[in-house]
N, C-alpha and C. Protein backbone atom coordinates (compact mmCIF):
# COMPACT_ATOMS: atom_id res chain seq x y z
N MET A 1 -140.74 131.41 154.74
CA MET A 1 -141.84 130.88 155.52
C MET A 1 -142.57 129.77 154.77
N THR A 2 -142.80 129.97 153.47
CA THR A 2 -143.50 128.96 152.67
C THR A 2 -142.73 127.66 152.64
N ARG A 3 -141.41 127.74 152.50
CA ARG A 3 -140.59 126.53 152.46
C ARG A 3 -140.68 125.78 153.78
N HIS A 4 -140.68 126.50 154.87
CA HIS A 4 -140.78 125.89 156.20
C HIS A 4 -142.13 125.17 156.33
N LEU A 5 -143.19 125.78 155.89
CA LEU A 5 -144.51 125.16 155.96
C LEU A 5 -144.61 123.93 155.07
N GLU A 6 -144.00 124.01 153.89
CA GLU A 6 -144.01 122.86 152.98
C GLU A 6 -143.24 121.69 153.59
N THR A 7 -142.12 121.98 154.25
CA THR A 7 -141.34 120.94 154.91
C THR A 7 -142.15 120.30 156.05
N ALA A 8 -142.80 121.14 156.84
CA ALA A 8 -143.62 120.63 157.94
C ALA A 8 -144.77 119.78 157.41
N LEU A 9 -145.38 120.23 156.33
CA LEU A 9 -146.48 119.48 155.72
C LEU A 9 -146.00 118.11 155.24
N GLU A 10 -144.85 118.06 154.61
CA GLU A 10 -144.30 116.80 154.13
C GLU A 10 -143.99 115.85 155.28
N GLN A 11 -143.45 116.38 156.36
CA GLN A 11 -143.16 115.55 157.52
C GLN A 11 -144.45 114.98 158.13
N LEU A 12 -145.47 115.80 158.20
CA LEU A 12 -146.76 115.34 158.72
C LEU A 12 -147.36 114.25 157.83
N ARG A 13 -147.25 114.44 156.54
CA ARG A 13 -147.76 113.42 155.61
C ARG A 13 -147.01 112.10 155.77
N GLN A 14 -145.69 112.19 155.94
CA GLN A 14 -144.89 110.98 156.14
C GLN A 14 -145.28 110.29 157.44
N SER A 15 -145.49 111.07 158.49
CA SER A 15 -145.90 110.50 159.78
C SER A 15 -147.26 109.83 159.66
N LEU A 16 -148.17 110.45 158.94
CA LEU A 16 -149.49 109.87 158.74
C LEU A 16 -149.39 108.55 157.98
N THR A 17 -148.58 108.51 156.95
CA THR A 17 -148.40 107.29 156.17
C THR A 17 -147.81 106.18 157.04
N LEU A 18 -146.81 106.52 157.84
CA LEU A 18 -146.22 105.52 158.74
C LEU A 18 -147.26 105.01 159.74
N GLY A 19 -148.07 105.92 160.27
CA GLY A 19 -149.11 105.51 161.21
C GLY A 19 -150.15 104.61 160.56
N GLN A 20 -150.54 104.92 159.34
CA GLN A 20 -151.50 104.09 158.63
C GLN A 20 -150.93 102.71 158.34
N ASP A 21 -149.68 102.66 157.96
CA ASP A 21 -149.02 101.37 157.70
C ASP A 21 -148.95 100.53 158.97
N ARG A 22 -148.59 101.17 160.09
CA ARG A 22 -148.49 100.44 161.36
C ARG A 22 -149.86 99.94 161.81
N LEU A 23 -150.89 100.77 161.62
CA LEU A 23 -152.24 100.36 161.99
C LEU A 23 -152.68 99.16 161.17
N ALA A 24 -152.38 99.16 159.89
CA ALA A 24 -152.72 98.02 159.04
C ALA A 24 -151.99 96.76 159.50
N GLN A 25 -150.73 96.92 159.88
CA GLN A 25 -149.95 95.78 160.39
C GLN A 25 -150.56 95.25 161.68
N LEU A 26 -150.94 96.14 162.57
CA LEU A 26 -151.55 95.71 163.84
C LEU A 26 -152.91 95.04 163.61
N ASP A 27 -153.67 95.54 162.66
CA ASP A 27 -154.95 94.91 162.33
C ASP A 27 -154.74 93.48 161.84
N THR A 28 -153.71 93.28 161.02
CA THR A 28 -153.40 91.95 160.53
C THR A 28 -152.98 91.03 161.68
N GLU A 29 -152.14 91.55 162.56
CA GLU A 29 -151.70 90.76 163.72
C GLU A 29 -152.88 90.41 164.62
N ALA A 30 -153.79 91.36 164.82
CA ALA A 30 -154.95 91.11 165.67
C ALA A 30 -155.85 90.04 165.06
N ALA A 31 -156.04 90.09 163.75
CA ALA A 31 -156.86 89.09 163.09
C ALA A 31 -156.24 87.70 163.22
N GLN A 32 -154.93 87.61 163.07
CA GLN A 32 -154.24 86.32 163.22
C GLN A 32 -154.35 85.82 164.65
N LEU A 33 -154.21 86.71 165.61
CA LEU A 33 -154.33 86.31 167.01
C LEU A 33 -155.74 85.82 167.32
N ARG A 34 -156.77 86.50 166.80
CA ARG A 34 -158.15 86.03 167.00
C ARG A 34 -158.33 84.65 166.41
N HIS A 35 -157.77 84.42 165.23
CA HIS A 35 -157.86 83.11 164.58
C HIS A 35 -157.19 82.04 165.44
N ASP A 36 -156.00 82.34 165.92
CA ASP A 36 -155.26 81.38 166.75
C ASP A 36 -156.03 81.07 168.04
N MET A 37 -156.60 82.10 168.66
CA MET A 37 -157.33 81.89 169.91
C MET A 37 -158.59 81.06 169.68
N LEU A 38 -159.27 81.30 168.57
CA LEU A 38 -160.46 80.51 168.25
C LEU A 38 -160.08 79.05 168.03
N SER A 39 -158.96 78.83 167.37
CA SER A 39 -158.48 77.47 167.15
C SER A 39 -158.16 76.79 168.48
N LEU A 40 -157.49 77.51 169.36
CA LEU A 40 -157.16 76.95 170.67
C LEU A 40 -158.43 76.63 171.47
N ALA A 41 -159.40 77.52 171.43
CA ALA A 41 -160.65 77.29 172.15
C ALA A 41 -161.36 76.04 171.62
N GLY A 42 -161.32 75.84 170.31
CA GLY A 42 -161.92 74.64 169.73
C GLY A 42 -161.21 73.37 170.16
N LYS A 43 -159.90 73.43 170.21
CA LYS A 43 -159.12 72.26 170.64
C LYS A 43 -159.38 71.95 172.11
N ILE A 44 -159.46 73.01 172.92
CA ILE A 44 -159.75 72.82 174.34
C ILE A 44 -161.12 72.17 174.51
N GLN A 45 -162.11 72.67 173.79
CA GLN A 45 -163.45 72.11 173.89
C GLN A 45 -163.46 70.64 173.48
N SER A 46 -162.77 70.31 172.42
CA SER A 46 -162.72 68.92 171.97
C SER A 46 -162.11 68.01 173.03
N LEU A 47 -160.99 68.45 173.60
CA LEU A 47 -160.35 67.64 174.63
C LEU A 47 -161.22 67.51 175.87
N GLU A 48 -161.90 68.58 176.26
CA GLU A 48 -162.79 68.50 177.41
C GLU A 48 -163.93 67.51 177.15
N GLU A 49 -164.45 67.51 175.93
CA GLU A 49 -165.53 66.58 175.60
C GLU A 49 -165.04 65.13 175.60
N ILE A 50 -163.84 64.92 175.09
CA ILE A 50 -163.27 63.57 175.10
C ILE A 50 -163.06 63.10 176.53
N LEU A 51 -162.47 63.95 177.36
CA LEU A 51 -162.24 63.58 178.75
C LEU A 51 -163.56 63.31 179.48
N ALA A 52 -164.56 64.11 179.22
CA ALA A 52 -165.86 63.92 179.87
C ALA A 52 -166.51 62.62 179.43
N SER A 53 -166.39 62.30 178.14
CA SER A 53 -167.01 61.06 177.66
C SER A 53 -166.27 59.84 178.20
N GLU A 54 -164.95 59.94 178.36
CA GLU A 54 -164.19 58.83 178.93
C GLU A 54 -164.49 58.65 180.41
N ALA A 55 -164.82 59.73 181.08
CA ALA A 55 -165.14 59.67 182.51
C ALA A 55 -166.62 59.34 182.72
N GLY A 56 -167.37 59.33 181.64
CA GLY A 56 -168.79 59.01 181.74
C GLY A 56 -169.63 60.18 182.21
N GLY A 57 -169.06 61.35 182.20
CA GLY A 57 -169.81 62.52 182.64
C GLY A 57 -170.21 63.40 181.47
N ASP A 58 -170.86 64.48 181.82
CA ASP A 58 -171.25 65.44 180.81
C ASP A 58 -170.11 66.44 180.60
N PRO A 59 -170.00 66.97 179.38
CA PRO A 59 -168.95 67.99 179.15
C PRO A 59 -169.25 69.25 179.96
N PRO A 60 -168.20 69.96 180.34
CA PRO A 60 -168.42 71.18 181.12
C PRO A 60 -169.20 72.20 180.31
N ALA A 61 -170.08 72.93 180.98
CA ALA A 61 -170.87 73.98 180.32
C ALA A 61 -170.08 75.26 180.33
N ASN A 62 -169.75 75.78 179.15
CA ASN A 62 -169.00 77.06 179.06
C ASN A 62 -169.87 78.11 178.51
C-alpha cells in the first residue's frame, strides 16, 4: 500500500510541475501578445493621425 501511495504522490508531483511549467509558458506568451497588440494600436493611431492631418480633419477620438 505504501509503495502505491508513493507512486501516486510522485505522479501528482510530476503533473503539478508540468502544469506550473505550462502556466509559465502561457504567461510569457500572453505578455508577448499584449506587447504586440500595444505596438499595433500605436501604429494604427499614428496612421489615423497622419490620414486625418492630410485630410485636414481632426484625428478620430478613441
